[in-house]
C-alpha atoms as a PDB file:
ATOM      1  CA  MET A   1      35.869 115.409  91.880  1.00  0.00           C
ATOM      2  CA  PHE A   2      37.465 112.093  91.252  1.00  0.00           C
ATOM      3  CA  ALA A   3      38.338 110.980  87.765  1.00  0.00           C
ATOM      4  CA  LEU A   4      37.861 107.311  86.978  1.00  0.00           C
ATOM      5  CA  ARG A   5      40.544 105.724  84.918  1.00  0.00           C
ATOM      6  CA  PHE A   6      41.018 102.213  83.691  1.00  0.00           C
ATOM      7  CA  VAL A   7      43.877 100.364  85.349  1.00  0.00           C
ATOM      8  CA  ARG A   8      45.155  97.342  83.466  1.00  0.00           C
ATOM      9  CA  PRO A   9      45.543  94.337  85.783  1.00  0.00           C
ATOM     10  CA  LYS A  10      49.088  93.120  86.147  1.00  0.00           C
ATOM     11  CA  VAL A  11      49.677  89.571  84.912  1.00  0.00           C
ATOM     12  CA  VAL A  12      51.758  87.559  87.330  1.00  0.00           C
ATOM     13  CA  ARG A  13      53.490  84.607  85.740  1.00  0.00           C
ATOM     14  CA  PRO A  14      54.792  81.778  87.922  1.00  0.00           C
ATOM     15  CA  TYR A  15      58.057  81.779  86.004  1.00  0.00           C
ATOM     16  CA  PRO A  16      59.609  84.358  83.709  1.00  0.00           C
ATOM     17  CA  THR A  17      58.966  83.726  80.039  1.00  0.00           C
ATOM     18  CA  PRO A  18      61.072  85.243  77.298  1.00  0.00           C
ATOM     19  CA  PHE A  19      59.197  87.804  75.276  1.00  0.00           C
ATOM     20  CA  ARG A  20      59.483  87.749  71.504  1.00  0.00           C
ATOM     21  CA  ALA A  21      57.569  90.036  69.172  1.00  0.00           C
ATOM     22  CA  ALA A  22      55.290  88.384  66.631  1.00  0.00           C
ATOM     23  CA  SER A  23      57.216  89.904  63.742  1.00  0.00           C
ATOM     24  CA  THR A  24      60.505  88.250  64.671  1.00  0.00           C
ATOM     25  CA  SER A  25      61.476  84.719  63.855  1.00  0.00           C
ATOM     26  CA  SER A  26      63.348  82.122  65.785  1.00  0.00           C
ATOM     27  CA  THR A  27      65.533  79.337  64.538  1.00  0.00           C
ATOM     28  CA  ALA A  28      65.081  75.869  65.939  1.00  0.00           C
ATOM     29  CA  SER A  29      68.158  74.058  67.073  1.00  0.00           C
ATOM     30  CA  THR A  30      69.314  70.736  65.669  1.00  0.00           C
ATOM     31  CA  THR A  31      68.465  68.937  68.896  1.00  0.00           C
ATOM     32  CA  SER A  32      64.853  70.050  68.704  1.00  0.00           C
ATOM     33  CA  HIS A  33      64.628  68.724  65.138  1.00  0.00           C
ATOM     34  CA  LEU A  34      66.115  65.409  66.220  1.00  0.00           C
ATOM     35  CA  ARG A  35      63.790  65.244  69.208  1.00  0.00           C
ATOM     36  CA  SER A  36      60.736  65.935  67.008  1.00  0.00           C
ATOM     37  CA  PHE A  37      61.877  63.280  64.545  1.00  0.00           C
ATOM     38  CA  ALA A  38      62.370  60.743  67.355  1.00  0.00           C
ATOM     39  CA  TYR A  39      58.922  61.466  68.847  1.00  0.00           C
ATOM     40  CA  GLY A  40      57.257  61.265  65.443  1.00  0.00           C
ATOM     41  CA  THR A  41      58.989  57.983  64.646  1.00  0.00           C
ATOM     42  CA  ALA A  42      57.988  56.535  68.024  1.00  0.00           C
ATOM     43  CA  VAL A  43      54.350  57.528  67.493  1.00  0.00           C
ATOM     44  CA  VAL A  44      54.256  55.933  64.038  1.00  0.00           C
ATOM     45  CA  ILE A  45      55.869  52.698  65.260  1.00  0.00           C
ATOM     46  CA  ALA A  46      53.592  52.486  68.319  1.00  0.00           C
ATOM     47  CA  GLY A  47      50.521  53.180  66.176  1.00  0.00           C
ATOM     48  CA  GLY A  48      51.523  50.472  63.708  1.00  0.00           C
ATOM     49  CA  ALA A  49      52.114  47.986  66.513  1.00  0.00           C
ATOM     50  CA  PHE A  50      48.699  48.776  68.009  1.00  0.00           C
ATOM     51  CA  VAL A  51      46.962  48.285  64.651  1.00  0.00           C
ATOM     52  CA  ALA A  52      48.741  44.960  64.157  1.00  0.00           C
ATOM     53  CA  TYR A  53      47.794  43.902  67.693  1.00  0.00           C
ATOM     54  CA  TYR A  54      44.175  45.053  67.312  1.00  0.00           C
ATOM     55  CA  SER A  55      43.684  43.282  63.979  1.00  0.00           C
ATOM     56  CA  ASP A  56      44.443  39.894  65.558  1.00  0.00           C
ATOM     57  CA  SER A  57      41.203  38.450  66.909  1.00  0.00           C
ATOM     58  CA  ARG A  58      43.078  36.391  69.510  1.00  0.00           C
ATOM     59  CA  SER A  59      44.658  39.389  71.250  1.00  0.00           C
ATOM     60  CA  ALA A  60      43.815  39.896  74.903  1.00  0.00           C
ATOM     61  CA  ILE A  61      42.606  43.461  74.438  1.00  0.00           C
ATOM     62  CA  HIS A  62      39.312  42.169  73.053  1.00  0.00           C
ATOM     63  CA  GLN A  63      38.649  39.871  76.005  1.00  0.00           C
ATOM     64  CA  TYR A  64      39.987  41.966  78.880  1.00  0.00           C
ATOM     65  CA  VAL A  65      39.395  45.582  77.752  1.00  0.00           C
ATOM     66  CA  PHE A  66      36.730  46.018  75.066  1.00  0.00           C
ATOM     67  CA  ALA A  67      34.177  43.448  76.266  1.00  0.00           C
ATOM     68  CA  PRO A  68      34.139  44.572  79.949  1.00  0.00           C
ATOM     69  CA  LEU A  69      34.068  48.210  78.834  1.00  0.00           C
ATOM     70  CA  LEU A  70      31.035  47.585  76.620  1.00  0.00           C
ATOM     71  CA  ARG A  71      29.301  45.639  79.402  1.00  0.00           C
ATOM     72  CA  SER A  72      29.818  48.426  81.914  1.00  0.00           C
ATOM     73  CA  VAL A  73      28.867  51.312  79.620  1.00  0.00           C
ATOM     74  CA  LEU A  74      26.032  49.900  77.491  1.00  0.00           C
ATOM     75  CA  ASP A  75      23.135  47.558  78.084  1.00  0.00           C
ATOM     76  CA  GLY A  76      22.979  44.285  76.153  1.00  0.00           C
ATOM     77  CA  GLU A  77      20.809  45.500  73.293  1.00  0.00           C
ATOM     78  CA  ALA A  78      22.838  48.650  72.654  1.00  0.00           C
ATOM     79  CA  ALA A  79      26.129  46.712  72.812  1.00  0.00           C
ATOM     80  CA  HIS A  80      24.745  44.200  70.307  1.00  0.00           C
ATOM     81  CA  LYS A  81      23.704  46.974  67.909  1.00  0.00           C
ATOM     82  CA  LEU A  82      27.116  48.615  68.242  1.00  0.00           C
ATOM     83  CA  ALA A  83      28.858  45.292  67.554  1.00  0.00           C
ATOM     84  CA  LEU A  84      26.760  44.732  64.424  1.00  0.00           C
ATOM     85  CA  ARG A  85      27.514  48.248  63.215  1.00  0.00           C
ATOM     86  CA  VAL A  86      31.255  47.687  63.709  1.00  0.00           C
ATOM     87  CA  LEU A  87      31.091  44.344  61.890  1.00  0.00           C
ATOM     88  CA  ARG A  88      29.221  45.933  58.966  1.00  0.00           C
ATOM     89  CA  SER A  89      31.797  48.717  58.701  1.00  0.00           C
ATOM     90  CA  GLY A  90      34.651  46.224  58.280  1.00  0.00           C
ATOM     91  CA  VAL A  91      36.786  47.681  61.073  1.00  0.00           C
ATOM     92  CA  HIS A  92      36.927  44.530  63.150  1.00  0.00           C
ATOM     93  CA  PRO A  93      39.623  41.991  64.027  1.00  0.00           C
ATOM     94  CA  ARG A  94      40.032  38.975  61.809  1.00  0.00           C
ATOM     95  CA  ASP A  95      41.266  35.515  62.625  1.00  0.00           C
ATOM     96  CA  GLN A  96      44.827  35.291  61.323  1.00  0.00           C
ATOM     97  CA  LEU A  97      45.073  31.480  61.353  1.00  0.00           C
ATOM     98  CA  ASP A  98      43.576  29.026  58.885  1.00  0.00           C
ATOM     99  CA  ASP A  99      40.685  26.833  60.002  1.00  0.00           C
ATOM    100  CA  ASP A 100      41.471  23.326  61.156  1.00  0.00           C
ATOM    101  CA  ALA A 101      41.028  20.567  58.574  1.00  0.00           C
ATOM    102  CA  ARG A 102      38.528  18.817  60.892  1.00  0.00           C
ATOM    103  CA  LEU A 103      36.094  21.674  60.365  1.00  0.00           C
ATOM    104  CA  LYS A 104      35.692  21.054  56.631  1.00  0.00           C
ATOM    105  CA  VAL A 105      32.295  19.529  55.929  1.00  0.00           C
ATOM    106  CA  GLN A 106      30.587  18.556  52.697  1.00  0.00           C
ATOM    107  CA  VAL A 107      26.803  18.756  52.614  1.00  0.00           C
ATOM    108  CA  ARG A 108      24.996  16.404  50.208  1.00  0.00           C
ATOM    109  CA  MET A 109      21.553  17.129  48.956  1.00  0.00           C
END
């Protein structure tokens, strides 16, 4: 008679990886710390620049990216409801410049 036994499949890796037991620790080199710091700093600066760019209502991203994206993804009514929801939440761009003096009007009753 034949005895059936379980044969574990062999894992073939495309490149050899160093094996380290879970109980051991590794020390990170100084270059990896500097690299992580540089990447983190770049992400924070880029994120801050994007927020500053987004908060300006005259930036091109609103005209050339967001509006065409909304038009292609949503119908008019759904896009309008989404725009109202965003305006109510307060997360919308604001005009950074003061209004022109010619726009000031006094209404007499």
